[in-house]
Amino acid sequence: MLYELRIYHCQPGRLPDLMKRFDTITLKLWDKHGIRQAGFWTTLIGDSNHSLTYMVAWNSLAEREEKWMKFQADPDWIKARAETEANGPLLTKVTNEILQPTSFSSVK
């Protein structure tokens, strides 16, 4: 199992809009494409409280490539993304890393 750590750095004041998009749109589309979330977090204490951090669970890099590309190309996603960014972009930056559990990790 691999885990993708993604951090979405939001424009000031746009985190609620991003969270609403995940809650009402994105996660339904992920279900459609078989994308499995491993958790979502906001920053309580840290450098910025304008970020949404989440993890996605993948069986392999090949699975990630296939499912992520289909999601990104989905006309429903393209339309929803455009509509939710009609007042400007939600994000300033996206960072992501693909993580592999160690032999001693409680998460495998």
N, C-alpha and C. Protein backbone atom coordinates (compact mmCIF):
# COMPACT_ATOMS: atom_id res chain seq x y z
N MET A 1 0.85 -1.18 0.00
CA MET A 1 0.00 0.00 0.00
C MET A 1 0.89 1.24 0.00
N LEU A 2 0.49 2.21 -0.79
CA LEU A 2 1.16 3.51 -0.85
C LEU A 2 0.16 4.56 -0.39
N TYR A 3 0.70 5.64 0.14
CA TYR A 3 -0.15 6.75 0.57
C TYR A 3 0.36 8.02 -0.09
N GLU A 4 -0.57 8.78 -0.63
CA GLU A 4 -0.22 10.06 -1.23
C GLU A 4 -0.62 11.16 -0.26
N LEU A 5 0.35 11.93 0.15
CA LEU A 5 0.13 13.07 1.03
C LEU A 5 0.01 14.31 0.15
N ARG A 6 -1.11 14.98 0.24
CA ARG A 6 -1.34 16.18 -0.56
C ARG A 6 -1.68 17.34 0.37
N ILE A 7 -1.07 18.48 0.13
CA ILE A 7 -1.36 19.68 0.91
C ILE A 7 -1.80 20.77 -0.06
N TYR A 8 -3.00 21.26 0.15
CA TYR A 8 -3.55 22.33 -0.67
C TYR A 8 -3.44 23.63 0.12
N HIS A 9 -2.62 24.52 -0.36
CA HIS A 9 -2.42 25.83 0.25
C HIS A 9 -3.42 26.79 -0.41
N CYS A 10 -4.35 27.30 0.39
CA CYS A 10 -5.46 28.10 -0.15
C CYS A 10 -5.15 29.59 -0.19
N GLN A 11 -5.85 30.23 -1.11
CA GLN A 11 -5.88 31.69 -1.09
C GLN A 11 -6.52 32.10 0.24
N PRO A 12 -6.09 33.20 0.85
CA PRO A 12 -6.70 33.64 2.11
C PRO A 12 -8.23 33.73 1.98
N GLY A 13 -8.91 33.14 2.94
CA GLY A 13 -10.37 33.18 2.96
C GLY A 13 -11.06 32.13 2.10
N ARG A 14 -10.31 31.31 1.35
CA ARG A 14 -10.94 30.35 0.42
C ARG A 14 -10.97 28.92 0.94
N LEU A 15 -10.40 28.65 2.12
CA LEU A 15 -10.43 27.29 2.67
C LEU A 15 -11.86 26.76 2.82
N PRO A 16 -12.80 27.55 3.32
CA PRO A 16 -14.18 27.02 3.42
C PRO A 16 -14.74 26.60 2.06
N ASP A 17 -14.41 27.34 1.01
CA ASP A 17 -14.88 26.98 -0.33
C ASP A 17 -14.26 25.65 -0.79
N LEU A 18 -12.98 25.47 -0.51
CA LEU A 18 -12.32 24.22 -0.89
C LEU A 18 -12.91 23.05 -0.12
N MET A 19 -13.13 23.23 1.17
CA MET A 19 -13.70 22.15 1.97
C MET A 19 -15.11 21.80 1.51
N LYS A 20 -15.88 22.79 1.15
CA LYS A 20 -17.23 22.53 0.64
C LYS A 20 -17.16 21.75 -0.67
N ARG A 21 -16.21 22.09 -1.54
CA ARG A 21 -16.07 21.38 -2.81
C ARG A 21 -15.73 19.91 -2.57
N PHE A 22 -14.82 19.63 -1.64
CA PHE A 22 -14.51 18.23 -1.33
C PHE A 22 -15.75 17.53 -0.77
N ASP A 23 -16.41 18.16 0.17
CA ASP A 23 -17.54 17.54 0.86
C ASP A 23 -18.72 17.26 -0.07
N THR A 24 -19.00 18.16 -0.99
CA THR A 24 -20.22 18.04 -1.80
C THR A 24 -19.98 17.56 -3.23
N ILE A 25 -18.74 17.64 -3.73
CA ILE A 25 -18.48 17.30 -5.13
C ILE A 25 -17.36 16.28 -5.29
N THR A 26 -16.17 16.64 -4.83
CA THR A 26 -14.97 15.85 -5.12
C THR A 26 -15.06 14.42 -4.62
N LEU A 27 -15.48 14.24 -3.37
CA LEU A 27 -15.50 12.88 -2.82
C LEU A 27 -16.47 11.97 -3.55
N LYS A 28 -17.57 12.51 -4.05
CA LYS A 28 -18.50 11.69 -4.85
C LYS A 28 -17.85 11.26 -6.15
N LEU A 29 -17.08 12.15 -6.75
CA LEU A 29 -16.38 11.80 -7.99
C LEU A 29 -15.26 10.80 -7.70
N TRP A 30 -14.59 10.93 -6.57
CA TRP A 30 -13.58 9.94 -6.19
C TRP A 30 -14.22 8.57 -6.05
N ASP A 31 -15.39 8.50 -5.42
CA ASP A 31 -16.09 7.22 -5.29
C ASP A 31 -16.37 6.62 -6.67
N LYS A 32 -16.80 7.46 -7.58
CA LYS A 32 -17.09 7.03 -8.95
C LYS A 32 -15.85 6.39 -9.60
N HIS A 33 -14.68 6.93 -9.29
CA HIS A 33 -13.43 6.46 -9.90
C HIS A 33 -12.64 5.49 -9.02
N GLY A 34 -13.18 5.13 -7.86
CA GLY A 34 -12.52 4.17 -6.99
C GLY A 34 -11.32 4.72 -6.24
N ILE A 35 -11.30 6.03 -6.02
CA ILE A 35 -10.21 6.66 -5.27
C ILE A 35 -10.57 6.64 -3.79
N ARG A 36 -9.66 6.14 -2.96
CA ARG A 36 -9.91 5.96 -1.53
C ARG A 36 -9.13 6.97 -0.69
N GLN A 37 -9.87 7.79 0.02
CA GLN A 37 -9.22 8.74 0.92
C GLN A 37 -8.81 8.03 2.19
N ALA A 38 -7.69 8.48 2.78
CA ALA A 38 -7.20 7.94 4.05
C ALA A 38 -7.31 8.97 5.17
N GLY A 39 -7.87 10.13 4.89
CA GLY A 39 -8.08 11.14 5.91
C GLY A 39 -7.85 12.55 5.41
N PHE A 40 -8.50 13.50 6.07
CA PHE A 40 -8.38 14.93 5.78
C PHE A 40 -8.13 15.67 7.08
N TRP A 41 -7.31 16.72 7.01
CA TRP A 41 -6.98 17.51 8.18
C TRP A 41 -6.86 18.98 7.81
N THR A 42 -7.20 19.85 8.76
CA THR A 42 -6.86 21.26 8.67
C THR A 42 -5.80 21.52 9.74
N THR A 43 -5.13 22.64 9.62
CA THR A 43 -4.04 22.96 10.54
C THR A 43 -4.58 23.75 11.73
N LEU A 44 -4.45 23.19 12.90
CA LEU A 44 -4.84 23.87 14.12
C LEU A 44 -3.70 24.76 14.62
N ILE A 45 -2.49 24.21 14.63
CA ILE A 45 -1.30 24.95 15.04
C ILE A 45 -0.22 24.67 14.00
N GLY A 46 0.38 25.72 13.46
CA GLY A 46 1.41 25.55 12.44
C GLY A 46 1.66 26.83 11.69
N ASP A 47 2.32 26.70 10.56
CA ASP A 47 2.71 27.87 9.78
C ASP A 47 1.52 28.62 9.20
N SER A 48 0.46 27.89 8.81
CA SER A 48 -0.67 28.55 8.16
C SER A 48 -1.94 27.76 8.45
N ASN A 49 -3.03 28.48 8.70
CA ASN A 49 -4.32 27.82 8.86
C ASN A 49 -5.15 27.94 7.58
N HIS A 50 -4.46 28.18 6.45
CA HIS A 50 -5.11 28.27 5.14
C HIS A 50 -4.85 27.03 4.31
N SER A 51 -4.62 25.89 4.97
CA SER A 51 -4.25 24.68 4.24
C SER A 51 -5.20 23.52 4.56
N LEU A 52 -5.38 22.66 3.56
CA LEU A 52 -6.09 21.40 3.73
C LEU A 52 -5.10 20.30 3.39
N THR A 53 -4.90 19.39 4.33
CA THR A 53 -3.97 18.28 4.15
C THR A 53 -4.79 17.01 4.08
N TYR A 54 -4.47 16.14 3.12
CA TYR A 54 -5.18 14.87 3.05
C TYR A 54 -4.28 13.79 2.49
N MET A 55 -4.74 12.55 2.69
CA MET A 55 -4.01 11.40 2.18
C MET A 55 -4.96 10.52 1.37
N VAL A 56 -4.40 9.94 0.32
CA VAL A 56 -5.12 9.00 -0.53
C VAL A 56 -4.37 7.67 -0.47
N ALA A 57 -5.10 6.56 -0.37
CA ALA A 57 -4.49 5.24 -0.32
C ALA A 57 -4.51 4.60 -1.71
N TRP A 58 -3.36 4.07 -2.10
CA TRP A 58 -3.22 3.42 -3.41
C TRP A 58 -2.60 2.04 -3.22
N ASN A 59 -3.02 1.10 -4.06
CA ASN A 59 -2.40 -0.22 -4.06
C ASN A 59 -1.05 -0.21 -4.77
N SER A 60 -0.90 0.71 -5.74
CA SER A 60 0.33 0.78 -6.53
C SER A 60 0.39 2.11 -7.25
N LEU A 61 1.56 2.43 -7.79
CA LEU A 61 1.69 3.64 -8.61
C LEU A 61 0.87 3.53 -9.88
N ALA A 62 0.76 2.32 -10.43
CA ALA A 62 -0.04 2.11 -11.63
C ALA A 62 -1.52 2.42 -11.36
N GLU A 63 -2.02 1.98 -10.21
CA GLU A 63 -3.41 2.29 -9.85
C GLU A 63 -3.59 3.80 -9.73
N ARG A 64 -2.65 4.47 -9.07
CA ARG A 64 -2.74 5.92 -8.91
C ARG A 64 -2.81 6.61 -10.26
N GLU A 65 -1.90 6.24 -11.15
CA GLU A 65 -1.86 6.88 -12.45
C GLU A 65 -3.17 6.69 -13.21
N GLU A 66 -3.67 5.47 -13.22
CA GLU A 66 -4.90 5.19 -13.96
C GLU A 66 -6.10 5.94 -13.39
N LYS A 67 -6.31 5.83 -12.09
CA LYS A 67 -7.51 6.42 -11.49
C LYS A 67 -7.42 7.94 -11.41
N TRP A 68 -6.25 8.48 -11.12
CA TRP A 68 -6.11 9.94 -11.01
C TRP A 68 -6.31 10.59 -12.38
N MET A 69 -5.77 9.97 -13.42
CA MET A 69 -5.92 10.53 -14.77
C MET A 69 -7.39 10.51 -15.20
N LYS A 70 -8.11 9.43 -14.90
CA LYS A 70 -9.54 9.37 -15.24
C LYS A 70 -10.33 10.42 -14.47
N PHE A 71 -10.00 10.59 -13.20
CA PHE A 71 -10.67 11.62 -12.40
C PHE A 71 -10.41 13.01 -12.98
N GLN A 72 -9.15 13.32 -13.26
CA GLN A 72 -8.79 14.64 -13.79
C GLN A 72 -9.46 14.93 -15.13
N ALA A 73 -9.72 13.90 -15.92
CA ALA A 73 -10.33 14.07 -17.25
C ALA A 73 -11.86 13.99 -17.22
N ASP A 74 -12.43 13.69 -16.08
CA ASP A 74 -13.88 13.53 -15.96
C ASP A 74 -14.57 14.87 -16.26
N PRO A 75 -15.49 14.90 -17.22
CA PRO A 75 -16.17 16.15 -17.55
C PRO A 75 -16.92 16.76 -16.36
N ASP A 76 -17.45 15.92 -15.48
CA ASP A 76 -18.14 16.45 -14.29
C ASP A 76 -17.17 17.18 -13.38
N TRP A 77 -15.93 16.65 -13.24
CA TRP A 77 -14.92 17.31 -12.42
C TRP A 77 -14.48 18.62 -13.07
N ILE A 78 -14.24 18.58 -14.36
CA ILE A 78 -13.79 19.79 -15.07
C ILE A 78 -14.83 20.90 -14.93
N LYS A 79 -16.10 20.55 -15.08
CA LYS A 79 -17.18 21.54 -14.95
C LYS A 79 -17.27 22.06 -13.51
N ALA A 80 -17.26 21.15 -12.54
CA ALA A 80 -17.38 21.55 -11.13
C ALA A 80 -16.21 22.41 -10.70
N ARG A 81 -15.02 22.05 -11.14
CA ARG A 81 -13.84 22.84 -10.78
C ARG A 81 -13.97 24.26 -11.32
N ALA A 82 -14.37 24.38 -12.57
CA ALA A 82 -14.53 25.71 -13.17
C ALA A 82 -15.60 26.52 -12.43
N GLU A 83 -16.70 25.88 -12.10
CA GLU A 83 -17.79 26.59 -11.41
C GLU A 83 -17.36 27.05 -10.02
N THR A 84 -16.61 26.20 -9.30
CA THR A 84 -16.21 26.56 -7.93
C THR A 84 -15.05 27.55 -7.91
N GLU A 85 -14.44 27.78 -9.05
CA GLU A 85 -13.37 28.76 -9.14
C GLU A 85 -13.78 29.96 -9.99
N ALA A 86 -15.07 30.15 -10.17
CA ALA A 86 -15.57 31.28 -10.97
C ALA A 86 -15.16 32.62 -10.37
N ASN A 87 -15.01 32.68 -9.05
CA ASN A 87 -14.60 33.92 -8.38
C ASN A 87 -13.10 33.99 -8.16
N GLY A 88 -12.36 33.12 -8.84
CA GLY A 88 -10.91 33.10 -8.71
C GLY A 88 -10.43 31.77 -8.17
N PRO A 89 -9.14 31.52 -8.31
CA PRO A 89 -8.59 30.24 -7.86
C PRO A 89 -8.70 30.07 -6.35
N LEU A 90 -8.89 28.81 -5.94
CA LEU A 90 -8.95 28.50 -4.52
C LEU A 90 -7.56 28.32 -3.92
N LEU A 91 -6.61 27.89 -4.75
CA LEU A 91 -5.30 27.47 -4.25
C LEU A 91 -4.18 28.39 -4.70
N THR A 92 -3.17 28.49 -3.85
CA THR A 92 -1.94 29.17 -4.24
C THR A 92 -0.87 28.15 -4.64
N LYS A 93 -0.96 26.94 -4.04
CA LYS A 93 0.06 25.93 -4.29
C LYS A 93 -0.46 24.57 -3.83
N VAL A 94 -0.01 23.53 -4.53
CA VAL A 94 -0.30 22.15 -4.13
C VAL A 94 1.03 21.43 -3.98
N THR A 95 1.20 20.73 -2.86
CA THR A 95 2.37 19.88 -2.70
C THR A 95 1.88 18.46 -2.50
N ASN A 96 2.66 17.51 -3.01
CA ASN A 96 2.29 16.12 -2.78
C ASN A 96 3.53 15.24 -2.75
N GLU A 97 3.39 14.16 -2.01
CA GLU A 97 4.44 13.16 -1.87
C GLU A 97 3.78 11.80 -1.86
N ILE A 98 4.44 10.81 -2.45
CA ILE A 98 3.99 9.43 -2.39
C ILE A 98 4.81 8.76 -1.29
N LEU A 99 4.12 8.23 -0.29
CA LEU A 99 4.77 7.65 0.88
C LEU A 99 4.61 6.14 0.89
N GLN A 100 5.66 5.47 1.31
CA GLN A 100 5.67 4.02 1.43
C GLN A 100 5.89 3.68 2.90
N PRO A 101 5.00 2.88 3.52
CA PRO A 101 5.17 2.55 4.93
C PRO A 101 6.46 1.78 5.18
N THR A 102 7.05 2.04 6.32
CA THR A 102 8.24 1.30 6.75
C THR A 102 7.80 -0.05 7.32
N SER A 103 8.76 -0.94 7.55
CA SER A 103 8.45 -2.25 8.10
C SER A 103 7.88 -2.16 9.52
N PHE A 104 8.16 -1.06 10.22
CA PHE A 104 7.70 -0.91 11.60
C PHE A 104 6.52 0.05 11.73
N SER A 105 5.94 0.47 10.63
CA SER A 105 4.82 1.38 10.65
C SER A 105 3.56 0.67 11.12
N SER A 106 2.72 1.37 11.91
CA SER A 106 1.44 0.80 12.31
C SER A 106 0.45 0.80 11.15
N VAL A 107 0.72 1.63 10.14
CA VAL A 107 -0.10 1.67 8.93
C VAL A 107 0.68 0.95 7.84
N LYS A 108 0.06 -0.01 7.22
CA LYS A 108 0.74 -0.79 6.16
C LYS A 108 0.15 -0.49 4.82
